[in-house]
Amino acid sequence: MSEAREKVQAIINPISGVGSKRKIPEMIQDEFPIDQYELKISFTEYAGHASELTRQAIAEDTHIVLAVGGDGTINEVAQSMIHSDATLGIIPKGSGNGLARELHIPMDVKKALDVVQKGHITTIDSCKANGRVFFTTCGVGFDAAVSQKFAYEKHRGSLTYLKNTVEEYLSYKPQVYELLIDDTIREEKAFLVACANASQYGNNAFIAPLANIEDGQMDITILSPFTPLDIAPLSIQLFTKQLDRNSKIKTLKGKEVTIIRQEPGIMHLDGEPVEAEAEIRISVVPSSLKVFTPTEIPFTEEVYNFFGQVTRFFDNRLPYIFR
């Protein structure tokens, strides 16, 4: 009697294969041949479909769920896997790829599939904002406004994000927020308040350089009102993992955060803009999702992190404009 084959479900956003030399379903079939795996491949057809497909896969005791797409697709799949026995395989094919980059998953499809095949699993935290699940960042204020603008762009990337940031700055007004972080209450006039489970939004834009997706806490980044002269250093530090060194930035840590603003409006979850109430309750769900990750951090990332440690050490000796 033959042994039961491991069940694998691939959930693919149909636009993800555009521009690929080989079709992604064929690449997945090569990695998970039918004589060794029970493989099922599904394509999403509408918003929320990835979550439905994932819930069905979990109900069928699927062992591995592959999410092929951008941050929106990954979020839909992952939120339906929280506290399940299945493990998520991320095949990043979006514009930002925030969670994939945070976990050092390669942007190349074949290399990302290799990560899954090697079988190294990391259990990460997730978070909830008024019941909505996110994995990288949640924010209100300036970054939420930028994410709403960015969502309508045909061509996405770091340059587009910077362009939208500058354009939004010209009209955006800072707001007053009341923050309850664990047991501490504070009031801040801020351009943005970002609650970060991971260190970056995506596209290697590091809003919370020291955040750890496995520590059971969020890093709360508060950006105070700034002038046009501050845009250049803030932009540089955002993409060089040095933002916490800027004098306009306050960074706090907490397991639970309540943000109270003057009126309802946009917030973003993993870069996706959504309408939200004036009061937003955010909490960490520790060790709630199993994900395939590389066994080693790429050498370039190690150099990147080392550079960050060195520059922080010499921070007080750097010119004022970069502090």
C-alpha atoms as a PDB file:
ATOM      1  CA  MET A   1       0.000   0.000   0.000  1.00  0.00           C
ATOM      2  CA  SER A   2       1.543   3.340  -1.067  1.00  0.00           C
ATOM      3  CA  GLU A   3       2.140   6.180   1.413  1.00  0.00           C
ATOM      4  CA  ALA A   4      -0.193   9.184   1.310  1.00  0.00           C
ATOM      5  CA  ARG A   5       1.210  11.989  -0.809  1.00  0.00           C
ATOM      6  CA  GLU A   6       1.697  15.455   0.644  1.00  0.00           C
ATOM      7  CA  LYS A   7      -1.071  17.834  -0.413  1.00  0.00           C
ATOM      8  CA  VAL A   8      -0.010  21.063  -2.117  1.00  0.00           C
ATOM      9  CA  GLN A   9      -2.382  23.829  -3.180  1.00  0.00           C
ATOM     10  CA  ALA A  10      -1.121  26.658  -5.424  1.00  0.00           C
ATOM     11  CA  ILE A  11      -3.253  29.803  -5.485  1.00  0.00           C
ATOM     12  CA  ILE A  12      -2.259  32.089  -8.341  1.00  0.00           C
ATOM     13  CA  ASN A  13      -3.262  35.621  -9.173  1.00  0.00           C
ATOM     14  CA  PRO A  14      -3.691  35.328 -12.982  1.00  0.00           C
ATOM     15  CA  ILE A  15      -1.739  38.512 -13.746  1.00  0.00           C
ATOM     16  CA  SER A  16       1.308  37.099 -11.968  1.00  0.00           C
ATOM     17  CA  GLY A  17       2.581  35.176 -14.969  1.00  0.00           C
ATOM     18  CA  VAL A  18       2.790  38.199 -17.246  1.00  0.00           C
ATOM     19  CA  GLY A  19       6.290  38.552 -18.654  1.00  0.00           C
ATOM     20  CA  SER A  20       7.519  35.177 -17.397  1.00  0.00           C
ATOM     21  CA  LYS A  21       9.704  33.093 -19.710  1.00  0.00           C
ATOM     22  CA  ARG A  22       7.917  29.985 -18.522  1.00  0.00           C
ATOM     23  CA  LYS A  23       4.390  29.712 -17.256  1.00  0.00           C
ATOM     24  CA  ILE A  24       4.297  29.599 -13.477  1.00  0.00           C
ATOM     25  CA  PRO A  25       1.889  26.596 -13.266  1.00  0.00           C
ATOM     26  CA  GLU A  26       4.380  24.546 -15.295  1.00  0.00           C
ATOM     27  CA  MET A  27       7.213  25.549 -12.969  1.00  0.00           C
ATOM     28  CA  ILE A  28       5.139  24.520  -9.952  1.00  0.00           C
ATOM     29  CA  GLN A  29       4.289  21.186 -11.562  1.00  0.00           C
ATOM     30  CA  ASP A  30       7.982  20.533 -12.176  1.00  0.00           C
ATOM     31  CA  GLU A  31       8.753  21.201  -8.495  1.00  0.00           C
ATOM     32  CA  PHE A  32       5.839  19.112  -7.201  1.00  0.00           C
ATOM     33  CA  PRO A  33       5.440  16.146  -9.616  1.00  0.00           C
ATOM     34  CA  ILE A  34       2.191  14.194  -9.387  1.00  0.00           C
ATOM     35  CA  ASP A  35       3.961  10.937  -8.531  1.00  0.00           C
ATOM     36  CA  GLN A  36       5.215  12.535  -5.298  1.00  0.00           C
ATOM     37  CA  TYR A  37       2.597  15.163  -4.421  1.00  0.00           C
ATOM     38  CA  GLU A  38      -1.140  15.677  -4.585  1.00  0.00           C
ATOM     39  CA  LEU A  39      -1.030  19.028  -6.365  1.00  0.00           C
ATOM     40  CA  LYS A  40      -3.947  21.352  -7.043  1.00  0.00           C
ATOM     41  CA  ILE A  41      -3.574  24.666  -8.900  1.00  0.00           C
ATOM     42  CA  SER A  42      -6.259  27.366  -8.696  1.00  0.00           C
ATOM     43  CA  PHE A  43      -6.525  30.878 -10.129  1.00  0.00           C
ATOM     44  CA  THR A  44      -8.179  33.774  -8.333  1.00  0.00           C
ATOM     45  CA  GLU A  45     -11.126  35.390 -10.096  1.00  0.00           C
ATOM     46  CA  TYR A  46     -12.162  38.262  -7.799  1.00  0.00           C
ATOM     47  CA  ALA A  47     -11.211  40.082  -4.602  1.00  0.00           C
ATOM     48  CA  GLY A  48     -11.453  37.712  -1.640  1.00  0.00           C
ATOM     49  CA  HIS A  49     -11.317  34.588  -3.808  1.00  0.00           C
ATOM     50  CA  ALA A  50      -7.812  33.696  -2.582  1.00  0.00           C
ATOM     51  CA  SER A  51      -9.123  33.567   0.994  1.00  0.00           C
ATOM     52  CA  GLU A  52     -11.992  31.302  -0.040  1.00  0.00           C
ATOM     53  CA  LEU A  53      -9.652  28.941  -1.882  1.00  0.00           C
ATOM     54  CA  THR A  54      -7.313  28.849   1.093  1.00  0.00           C
ATOM     55  CA  ARG A  55     -10.059  28.054   3.588  1.00  0.00           C
ATOM     56  CA  GLN A  56     -11.167  25.200   1.350  1.00  0.00           C
ATOM     57  CA  ALA A  57      -7.577  23.921   1.124  1.00  0.00           C
ATOM     58  CA  ILE A  58      -7.212  24.013   4.919  1.00  0.00           C
ATOM     59  CA  ALA A  59     -10.501  22.136   5.311  1.00  0.00           C
ATOM     60  CA  GLU A  60      -9.083  19.446   3.004  1.00  0.00           C
ATOM     61  CA  ASP A  61      -5.984  19.062   5.239  1.00  0.00           C
ATOM     62  CA  THR A  62      -3.599  20.570   2.696  1.00  0.00           C
ATOM     63  CA  HIS A  63      -0.014  20.622   3.965  1.00  0.00           C
ATOM     64  CA  ILE A  64       1.464  23.382   1.778  1.00  0.00           C
ATOM     65  CA  VAL A  65      -0.305  26.418   0.314  1.00  0.00           C
ATOM     66  CA  LEU A  66       1.600  28.380  -2.315  1.00  0.00           C
ATOM     67  CA  ALA A  67       0.532  32.002  -2.777  1.00  0.00           C
ATOM     68  CA  VAL A  68       1.593  33.447  -6.131  1.00  0.00           C
ATOM     69  CA  GLY A  69       1.047  37.184  -6.466  1.00  0.00           C
ATOM     70  CA  GLY A  70       1.559  40.522  -4.782  1.00  0.00           C
ATOM     71  CA  ASP A  71       1.014  41.678  -1.223  1.00  0.00           C
ATOM     72  CA  GLY A  72      -2.785  41.645  -1.596  1.00  0.00           C
ATOM     73  CA  THR A  73      -2.845  38.005  -2.721  1.00  0.00           C
ATOM     74  CA  ILE A  74      -0.317  36.953  -0.070  1.00  0.00           C
ATOM     75  CA  ASN A  75      -2.379  38.681   2.628  1.00  0.00           C
ATOM     76  CA  GLU A  76      -5.610  36.978   1.501  1.00  0.00           C
ATOM     77  CA  VAL A  77      -4.002  33.544   1.569  1.00  0.00           C
ATOM     78  CA  ALA A  78      -2.029  34.048   4.785  1.00  0.00           C
ATOM     79  CA  GLN A  79      -4.903  35.436   6.855  1.00  0.00           C
ATOM     80  CA  SER A  80      -6.864  32.240   6.188  1.00  0.00           C
ATOM     81  CA  MET A  81      -3.946  30.108   7.399  1.00  0.00           C
ATOM     82  CA  ILE A  82      -3.485  31.626  10.862  1.00  0.00           C
ATOM     83  CA  HIS A  83      -3.095  28.925  13.553  1.00  0.00           C
ATOM     84  CA  SER A  84      -3.517  26.172  10.953  1.00  0.00           C
ATOM     85  CA  ASP A  85      -1.167  23.211  10.477  1.00  0.00           C
ATOM     86  CA  ALA A  86      -0.449  24.199   6.870  1.00  0.00           C
ATOM     87  CA  THR A  87       2.676  26.083   5.839  1.00  0.00           C
ATOM     88  CA  LEU A  88       2.691  29.074   3.491  1.00  0.00           C
ATOM     89  CA  GLY A  89       4.997  29.199   0.491  1.00  0.00           C
ATOM     90  CA  ILE A  90       5.383  32.723  -0.899  1.00  0.00           C
ATOM     91  CA  ILE A  91       6.069  33.162  -4.616  1.00  0.00           C
ATOM     92  CA  PRO A  92       6.340  36.968  -4.921  1.00  0.00           C
ATOM     93  CA  LYS A  93       5.037  38.466  -8.148  1.00  0.00           C
ATOM     94  CA  GLY A  94       3.822  41.901  -7.045  1.00  0.00           C
ATOM     95  CA  SER A  95       5.188  45.422  -7.041  1.00  0.00           C
ATOM     96  CA  GLY A  96       6.112  45.797  -3.366  1.00  0.00           C
ATOM     97  CA  ASN A  97       6.430  42.200  -2.088  1.00  0.00           C
ATOM     98  CA  GLY A  98       6.708  43.451   1.487  1.00  0.00           C
ATOM     99  CA  LEU A  99       6.368  40.155   3.381  1.00  0.00           C
ATOM    100  CA  ALA A 100       8.560  38.259   0.914  1.00  0.00           C
ATOM    101  CA  ARG A 101      11.349  40.833   1.194  1.00  0.00           C
ATOM    102  CA  GLU A 102      11.037  40.898   4.978  1.00  0.00           C
ATOM    103  CA  LEU A 103      11.552  37.121   5.073  1.00  0.00           C
ATOM    104  CA  HIS A 104      14.414  37.249   2.513  1.00  0.00           C
ATOM    105  CA  ILE A 105      12.460  35.195  -0.018  1.00  0.00           C
ATOM    106  CA  PRO A 106      13.948  35.525  -3.532  1.00  0.00           C
ATOM    107  CA  MET A 107      12.055  37.521  -6.146  1.00  0.00           C
ATOM    108  CA  ASP A 108      12.845  34.854  -8.761  1.00  0.00           C
ATOM    109  CA  VAL A 109      10.074  32.243  -9.077  1.00  0.00           C
ATOM    110  CA  LYS A 110      12.387  29.220  -9.355  1.00  0.00           C
ATOM    111  CA  LYS A 111      14.485  30.325  -6.380  1.00  0.00           C
ATOM    112  CA  ALA A 112      11.345  30.999  -4.319  1.00  0.00           C
ATOM    113  CA  LEU A 113      10.091  27.487  -5.122  1.00  0.00           C
ATOM    114  CA  ASP A 114      13.493  26.121  -4.086  1.00  0.00           C
ATOM    115  CA  VAL A 115      12.987  27.753  -0.666  1.00  0.00           C
ATOM    116  CA  VAL A 116       9.738  25.806  -0.283  1.00  0.00           C
ATOM    117  CA  GLN A 117      11.391  22.553  -1.361  1.00  0.00           C
ATOM    118  CA  LYS A 118      14.171  22.915   1.200  1.00  0.00           C
ATOM    119  CA  GLY A 119      11.493  22.892   3.885  1.00  0.00           C
ATOM    120  CA  HIS A 120      12.853  25.387   6.419  1.00  0.00           C
ATOM    121  CA  ILE A 121       9.901  26.811   8.381  1.00  0.00           C
ATOM    122  CA  THR A 122       9.682  30.051  10.376  1.00  0.00           C
ATOM    123  CA  THR A 123       6.674  30.840  12.570  1.00  0.00           C
ATOM    124  CA  ILE A 124       5.885  34.546  12.407  1.00  0.00           C
ATOM    125  CA  ASP A 125       3.511  36.946  14.129  1.00  0.00           C
ATOM    126  CA  SER A 126       0.431  38.445  12.531  1.00  0.00           C
ATOM    127  CA  CYS A 127      -1.583  41.465  13.642  1.00  0.00           C
ATOM    128  CA  LYS A 128      -5.177  42.650  13.629  1.00  0.00           C
ATOM    129  CA  ALA A 129      -6.540  46.174  13.158  1.00  0.00           C
ATOM    130  CA  ASN A 130     -10.244  46.378  14.032  1.00  0.00           C
ATOM    131  CA  GLY A 131     -10.476  42.696  13.158  1.00  0.00           C
ATOM    132  CA  ARG A 132      -8.631  42.983   9.825  1.00  0.00           C
ATOM    133  CA  VAL A 133      -5.451  40.933   9.525  1.00  0.00           C
ATOM    134  CA  PHE A 134      -2.098  42.290   8.384  1.00  0.00           C
ATOM    135  CA  PHE A 135       1.445  40.933   8.412  1.00  0.00           C
ATOM    136  CA  THR A 136       3.827  43.792   7.613  1.00  0.00           C
ATOM    137  CA  THR A 137       2.443  47.245   8.400  1.00  0.00           C
ATOM    138  CA  CYS A 138      -0.713  49.137   9.275  1.00  0.00           C
ATOM    139  CA  GLY A 139      -0.814  52.916   9.126  1.00  0.00           C
ATOM    140  CA  VAL A 140      -2.911  56.055   9.282  1.00  0.00           C
ATOM    141  CA  GLY A 141      -2.183  59.536   8.048  1.00  0.00           C
ATOM    142  CA  PHE A 142       0.294  60.420   5.348  1.00  0.00           C
ATOM    143  CA  ASP A 143       1.342  56.874   4.417  1.00  0.00           C
ATOM    144  CA  ALA A 144      -2.286  55.761   4.141  1.00  0.00           C
ATOM    145  CA  ALA A 145      -2.988  58.685   1.805  1.00  0.00           C
ATOM    146  CA  VAL A 146       0.072  57.751  -0.272  1.00  0.00           C
ATOM    147  CA  SER A 147      -1.030  54.097  -0.402  1.00  0.00           C
ATOM    148  CA  GLN A 148      -4.444  55.160  -1.687  1.00  0.00           C
ATOM    149  CA  LYS A 149      -2.797  57.233  -4.416  1.00  0.00           C
ATOM    150  CA  PHE A 150      -0.297  54.447  -5.184  1.00  0.00           C
ATOM    151  CA  ALA A 151      -3.111  51.886  -5.562  1.00  0.00           C
ATOM    152  CA  TYR A 152      -4.325  53.608  -8.737  1.00  0.00           C
ATOM    153  CA  GLU A 153      -0.903  53.754 -10.425  1.00  0.00           C
ATOM    154  CA  LYS A 154      -0.430  51.614 -13.541  1.00  0.00           C
ATOM    155  CA  HIS A 155       3.333  51.338 -13.020  1.00  0.00           C
ATOM    156  CA  ARG A 156       4.496  50.648  -9.478  1.00  0.00           C
ATOM    157  CA  GLY A 157       7.967  50.743  -7.978  1.00  0.00           C
ATOM    158  CA  SER A 158      10.269  52.775  -5.747  1.00  0.00           C
ATOM    159  CA  LEU A 159      10.353  55.806  -8.055  1.00  0.00           C
ATOM    160  CA  THR A 160       6.565  55.864  -8.362  1.00  0.00           C
ATOM    161  CA  TYR A 161       6.260  55.597  -4.598  1.00  0.00           C
ATOM    162  CA  LEU A 162       8.662  58.522  -4.112  1.00  0.00           C
ATOM    163  CA  LYS A 163       6.767  60.596  -6.706  1.00  0.00           C
ATOM    164  CA  ASN A 164       3.460  59.978  -4.929  1.00  0.00           C
ATOM    165  CA  THR A 165       5.051  60.773  -1.582  1.00  0.00           C
ATOM    166  CA  VAL A 166       6.276  64.170  -2.763  1.00  0.00           C
ATOM    167  CA  GLU A 167       2.977  64.999  -4.496  1.00  0.00           C
ATOM    168  CA  GLU A 168       0.923  64.047  -1.436  1.00  0.00           C
ATOM    169  CA  TYR A 169       3.177  66.090   0.843  1.00  0.00           C
ATOM    170  CA  LEU A 170       2.273  69.286  -1.027  1.00  0.00           C
ATOM    171  CA  SER A 171      -1.375  69.044   0.070  1.00  0.00           C
ATOM    172  CA  TYR A 172      -1.361  66.864   3.194  1.00  0.00           C
ATOM    173  CA  LYS A 173      -1.946  68.378   6.654  1.00  0.00           C
ATOM    174  CA  PRO A 174      -0.715  66.631   9.827  1.00  0.00           C
ATOM    175  CA  GLN A 175      -3.352  65.443  12.308  1.00  0.00           C
ATOM    176  CA  VAL A 176      -3.596  65.052  16.062  1.00  0.00           C
ATOM    177  CA  TYR A 177      -3.767  61.449  17.292  1.00  0.00           C
ATOM    178  CA  GLU A 178      -4.431  60.035  20.729  1.00  0.00           C
ATOM    179  CA  LEU A 179      -2.417  56.854  21.193  1.00  0.00           C
ATOM    180  CA  LEU A 180      -2.844  54.162  23.820  1.00  0.00           C
ATOM    181  CA  ILE A 181       0.228  51.922  23.605  1.00  0.00           C
ATOM    182  CA  ASP A 182      -0.163  49.046  26.062  1.00  0.00           C
ATOM    183  CA  ASP A 183      -0.784  51.034  29.290  1.00  0.00           C
ATOM    184  CA  THR A 184       0.626  54.399  28.172  1.00  0.00           C
ATOM    185  CA  ILE A 185      -1.472  57.257  26.773  1.00  0.00           C
ATOM    186  CA  ARG A 186       0.064  60.002  24.647  1.00  0.00           C
ATOM    187  CA  GLU A 187      -1.068  62.654  22.179  1.00  0.00           C
ATOM    188  CA  GLU A 188       0.896  63.318  19.006  1.00  0.00           C
ATOM    189  CA  LYS A 189       0.570  65.757  16.133  1.00  0.00           C
ATOM    190  CA  ALA A 190       1.903  63.635  13.314  1.00  0.00           C
ATOM    191  CA  PHE A 191       2.127  63.146   9.587  1.00  0.00           C
ATOM    192  CA  LEU A 192       1.706  59.435  10.090  1.00  0.00           C
ATOM    193  CA  VAL A 193       1.462  56.696  12.676  1.00  0.00           C
ATOM    194  CA  ALA A 194       2.633  53.307  11.424  1.00  0.00           C
ATOM    195  CA  CYS A 195       2.313  50.069  13.398  1.00  0.00           C
ATOM    196  CA  ALA A 196       4.942  47.718  12.034  1.00  0.00           C
ATOM    197  CA  ASN A 197       5.023  43.974  12.543  1.00  0.00           C
ATOM    198  CA  ALA A 198       7.774  43.880   9.916  1.00  0.00           C
ATOM    199  CA  SER A 199      10.460  46.430   9.154  1.00  0.00           C
ATOM    200  CA  GLN A 200       9.240  47.553   5.731  1.00  0.00           C
ATOM    201  CA  TYR A 201       6.247  48.540   3.639  1.00  0.00           C
ATOM    202  CA  GLY A 202       7.654  46.769   0.571  1.00  0.00           C
ATOM    203  CA  ASN A 203      10.015  47.832  -2.204  1.00  0.00           C
ATOM    204  CA  ASN A 204      12.670  47.939   0.556  1.00  0.00           C
ATOM    205  CA  ALA A 205      11.081  51.056   2.090  1.00  0.00           C
ATOM    206  CA  PHE A 206      11.959  50.497   5.767  1.00  0.00           C
ATOM    207  CA  ILE A 207       9.475  52.378   7.952  1.00  0.00           C
ATOM    208  CA  ALA A 208      10.595  50.536  11.118  1.00  0.00           C
ATOM    209  CA  PRO A 209      14.199  49.369  10.593  1.00  0.00           C
ATOM    210  CA  LEU A 210      14.462  47.529  13.926  1.00  0.00           C
ATOM    211  CA  ALA A 211      11.109  45.716  13.820  1.00  0.00           C
ATOM    212  CA  ASN A 212      11.168  41.940  14.262  1.00  0.00           C
ATOM    213  CA  ILE A 213       8.331  39.866  12.820  1.00  0.00           C
ATOM    214  CA  GLU A 214       8.907  37.135  15.430  1.00  0.00           C
ATOM    215  CA  ASP A 215       9.170  39.131  18.689  1.00  0.00           C
ATOM    216  CA  GLY A 216       5.478  39.405  19.629  1.00  0.00           C
ATOM    217  CA  GLN A 217       5.550  43.195  19.448  1.00  0.00           C
ATOM    218  CA  MET A 218       4.917  46.015  17.009  1.00  0.00           C
ATOM    219  CA  ASP A 219       7.251  48.926  16.360  1.00  0.00           C
ATOM    220  CA  ILE A 220       5.170  52.102  16.322  1.00  0.00           C
ATOM    221  CA  THR A 221       6.722  54.767  14.087  1.00  0.00           C
ATOM    222  CA  ILE A 222       5.514  58.350  14.516  1.00  0.00           C
ATOM    223  CA  LEU A 223       6.566  60.913  11.921  1.00  0.00           C
ATOM    224  CA  SER A 224       6.360  64.472  13.245  1.00  0.00           C
ATOM    225  CA  PRO A 225       5.529  67.403  10.914  1.00  0.00           C
ATOM    226  CA  PHE A 226       8.459  68.126   8.617  1.00  0.00           C
ATOM    227  CA  THR A 227       9.563  70.752   6.111  1.00  0.00           C
ATOM    228  CA  PRO A 228      10.521  70.420   2.423  1.00  0.00           C
ATOM    229  CA  LEU A 229      14.171  70.409   3.493  1.00  0.00           C
ATOM    230  CA  ASP A 230      13.522  67.192   5.420  1.00  0.00           C
ATOM    231  CA  ILE A 231      12.184  65.268   2.400  1.00  0.00           C
ATOM    232  CA  ALA A 232      15.586  64.322   0.942  1.00  0.00           C
ATOM    233  CA  PRO A 233      17.134  62.887   4.138  1.00  0.00           C
ATOM    234  CA  LEU A 234      13.858  61.154   5.090  1.00  0.00           C
ATOM    235  CA  SER A 235      13.649  59.544   1.637  1.00  0.00           C
ATOM    236  CA  ILE A 236      17.275  58.428   1.723  1.00  0.00           C
ATOM    237  CA  GLN A 237      16.922  56.975   5.206  1.00  0.00           C
ATOM    238  CA  LEU A 238      13.650  55.240   4.324  1.00  0.00           C
ATOM    239  CA  PHE A 239      15.374  53.213   1.605  1.00  0.00           C
ATOM    240  CA  THR A 240      18.686  52.686   3.424  1.00  0.00           C
ATOM    241  CA  LYS A 241      17.164  51.246   6.616  1.00  0.00           C
ATOM    242  CA  GLN A 242      18.207  54.274   8.653  1.00  0.00           C
ATOM    243  CA  LEU A 243      14.888  56.074   9.231  1.00  0.00           C
ATOM    244  CA  ASP A 244      14.933  55.617  13.001  1.00  0.00           C
ATOM    245  CA  ARG A 245      17.973  57.915  13.163  1.00  0.00           C
ATOM    246  CA  ASN A 246      16.016  60.926  11.893  1.00  0.00           C
ATOM    247  CA  SER A 247      15.062  63.560  14.471  1.00  0.00           C
ATOM    248  CA  LYS A 248      11.512  63.719  13.035  1.00  0.00           C
ATOM    249  CA  ILE A 249      10.919  60.063  13.889  1.00  0.00           C
ATOM    250  CA  LYS A 250       9.774  58.586  17.204  1.00  0.00           C
ATOM    251  CA  THR A 251       9.802  54.809  17.609  1.00  0.00           C
ATOM    252  CA  LEU A 252       7.954  52.951  20.365  1.00  0.00           C
ATOM    253  CA  LYS A 253       7.151  49.289  20.996  1.00  0.00           C
ATOM    254  CA  GLY A 254       3.915  47.673  22.085  1.00  0.00           C
ATOM    255  CA  LYS A 255       1.739  44.585  21.910  1.00  0.00           C
ATOM    256  CA  GLU A 256      -1.531  46.524  21.741  1.00  0.00           C
ATOM    257  CA  VAL A 257      -2.182  49.953  20.244  1.00  0.00           C
ATOM    258  CA  THR A 258      -5.321  52.061  20.039  1.00  0.00           C
ATOM    259  CA  ILE A 259      -5.258  55.000  17.639  1.00  0.00           C
ATOM    260  CA  ILE A 260      -7.971  57.638  18.051  1.00  0.00           C
ATOM    261  CA  ARG A 261      -8.224  60.292  15.362  1.00  0.00           C
ATOM    262  CA  GLN A 262     -10.683  63.112  14.783  1.00  0.00           C
ATOM    263  CA  GLU A 263     -12.798  61.312  12.179  1.00  0.00           C
ATOM    264  CA  PRO A 264     -13.002  58.074  10.155  1.00  0.00           C
ATOM    265  CA  GLY A 265     -10.802  57.787   7.084  1.00  0.00           C
ATOM    266  CA  ILE A 266      -8.269  55.703   5.207  1.00  0.00           C
ATOM    267  CA  MET A 267      -5.851  53.308   6.844  1.00  0.00           C
ATOM    268  CA  HIS A 268      -3.608  50.880   5.030  1.00  0.00           C
ATOM    269  CA  LEU A 269      -3.018  47.206   5.751  1.00  0.00           C
ATOM    270  CA  ASP A 270       0.044  45.700   4.088  1.00  0.00           C
ATOM    271  CA  GLY A 271      -0.037  48.640   1.694  1.00  0.00           C
ATOM    272  CA  GLU A 272      -3.715  48.212   0.736  1.00  0.00           C
ATOM    273  CA  PRO A 273      -5.923  51.253   1.519  1.00  0.00           C
ATOM    274  CA  VAL A 274      -9.205  50.550   3.355  1.00  0.00           C
ATOM    275  CA  GLU A 275     -11.832  52.706   5.052  1.00  0.00           C
ATOM    276  CA  ALA A 276     -11.636  52.592   8.850  1.00  0.00           C
ATOM    277  CA  GLU A 277     -13.309  54.035  11.909  1.00  0.00           C
ATOM    278  CA  ALA A 278     -11.970  56.974  13.913  1.00  0.00           C
ATOM    279  CA  GLU A 279     -10.845  54.534  16.621  1.00  0.00           C
ATOM    280  CA  ILE A 280      -8.558  51.717  15.509  1.00  0.00           C
ATOM    281  CA  ARG A 281      -7.583  48.884  17.861  1.00  0.00           C
ATOM    282  CA  ILE A 282      -4.460  47.010  16.804  1.00  0.00           C
ATOM    283  CA  SER A 283      -2.943  43.926  18.418  1.00  0.00           C
ATOM    284  CA  VAL A 284      -0.285  41.287  17.805  1.00  0.00           C
ATOM    285  CA  VAL A 285      -1.185  37.631  17.322  1.00  0.00           C
ATOM    286  CA  PRO A 286       2.139  35.992  18.269  1.00  0.00           C
ATOM    287  CA  SER A 287       3.570  32.944  16.474  1.00  0.00           C
ATOM    288  CA  SER A 288       0.472  32.477  14.342  1.00  0.00           C
ATOM    289  CA  LEU A 289       1.645  31.657  10.801  1.00  0.00           C
ATOM    290  CA  LYS A 290       4.091  29.059   9.477  1.00  0.00           C
ATOM    291  CA  VAL A 291       6.067  30.185   6.422  1.00  0.00           C
ATOM    292  CA  PHE A 292       8.841  28.618   4.348  1.00  0.00           C
ATOM    293  CA  THR A 293      11.934  30.816   4.561  1.00  0.00           C
ATOM    294  CA  PRO A 294      15.565  30.573   3.431  1.00  0.00           C
ATOM    295  CA  THR A 295      17.971  28.877   5.796  1.00  0.00           C
ATOM    296  CA  GLU A 296      20.480  31.704   5.370  1.00  0.00           C
ATOM    297  CA  ILE A 297      20.215  35.458   4.854  1.00  0.00           C
ATOM    298  CA  PRO A 298      21.771  36.506   1.512  1.00  0.00           C
ATOM    299  CA  PHE A 299      25.282  37.956   1.802  1.00  0.00           C
ATOM    300  CA  THR A 300      24.128  41.313   0.420  1.00  0.00           C
ATOM    301  CA  GLU A 301      21.526  41.551   3.201  1.00  0.00           C
ATOM    302  CA  GLU A 302      24.164  40.783   5.828  1.00  0.00           C
ATOM    303  CA  VAL A 303      26.313  43.603   4.467  1.00  0.00           C
ATOM    304  CA  TYR A 304      23.254  45.873   4.458  1.00  0.00           C
ATOM    305  CA  ASN A 305      22.532  45.111   8.129  1.00  0.00           C
ATOM    306  CA  PHE A 306      26.184  45.539   9.107  1.00  0.00           C
ATOM    307  CA  PHE A 307      26.236  48.941   7.404  1.00  0.00           C
ATOM    308  CA  GLY A 308      23.182  49.933   9.462  1.00  0.00           C
ATOM    309  CA  GLN A 309      24.828  48.897  12.724  1.00  0.00           C
ATOM    310  CA  VAL A 310      28.020  50.796  11.930  1.00  0.00           C
ATOM    311  CA  THR A 311      26.241  54.009  10.905  1.00  0.00           C
ATOM    312  CA  ARG A 312      24.096  53.933  14.044  1.00  0.00           C
ATOM    313  CA  PHE A 313      27.236  53.573  16.143  1.00  0.00           C
ATOM    314  CA  PHE A 314      28.725  56.700  14.589  1.00  0.00           C
ATOM    315  CA  ASP A 315      25.382  58.529  14.413  1.00  0.00           C
ATOM    316  CA  ASN A 316      26.421  61.439  16.638  1.00  0.00           C
ATOM    317  CA  ARG A 317      29.402  62.175  14.407  1.00  0.00           C
ATOM    318  CA  LEU A 318      27.361  62.534  11.229  1.00  0.00           C
ATOM    319  CA  PRO A 319      26.220  65.907   9.831  1.00  0.00           C
ATOM    320  CA  TYR A 320      22.998  67.223  11.373  1.00  0.00           C
ATOM    321  CA  ILE A 321      20.976  66.914   8.141  1.00  0.00           C
ATOM    322  CA  PHE A 322      21.266  63.114   8.342  1.00  0.00           C
ATOM    323  CA  ARG A 323      20.190  62.847  11.984  1.00  0.00           C
END
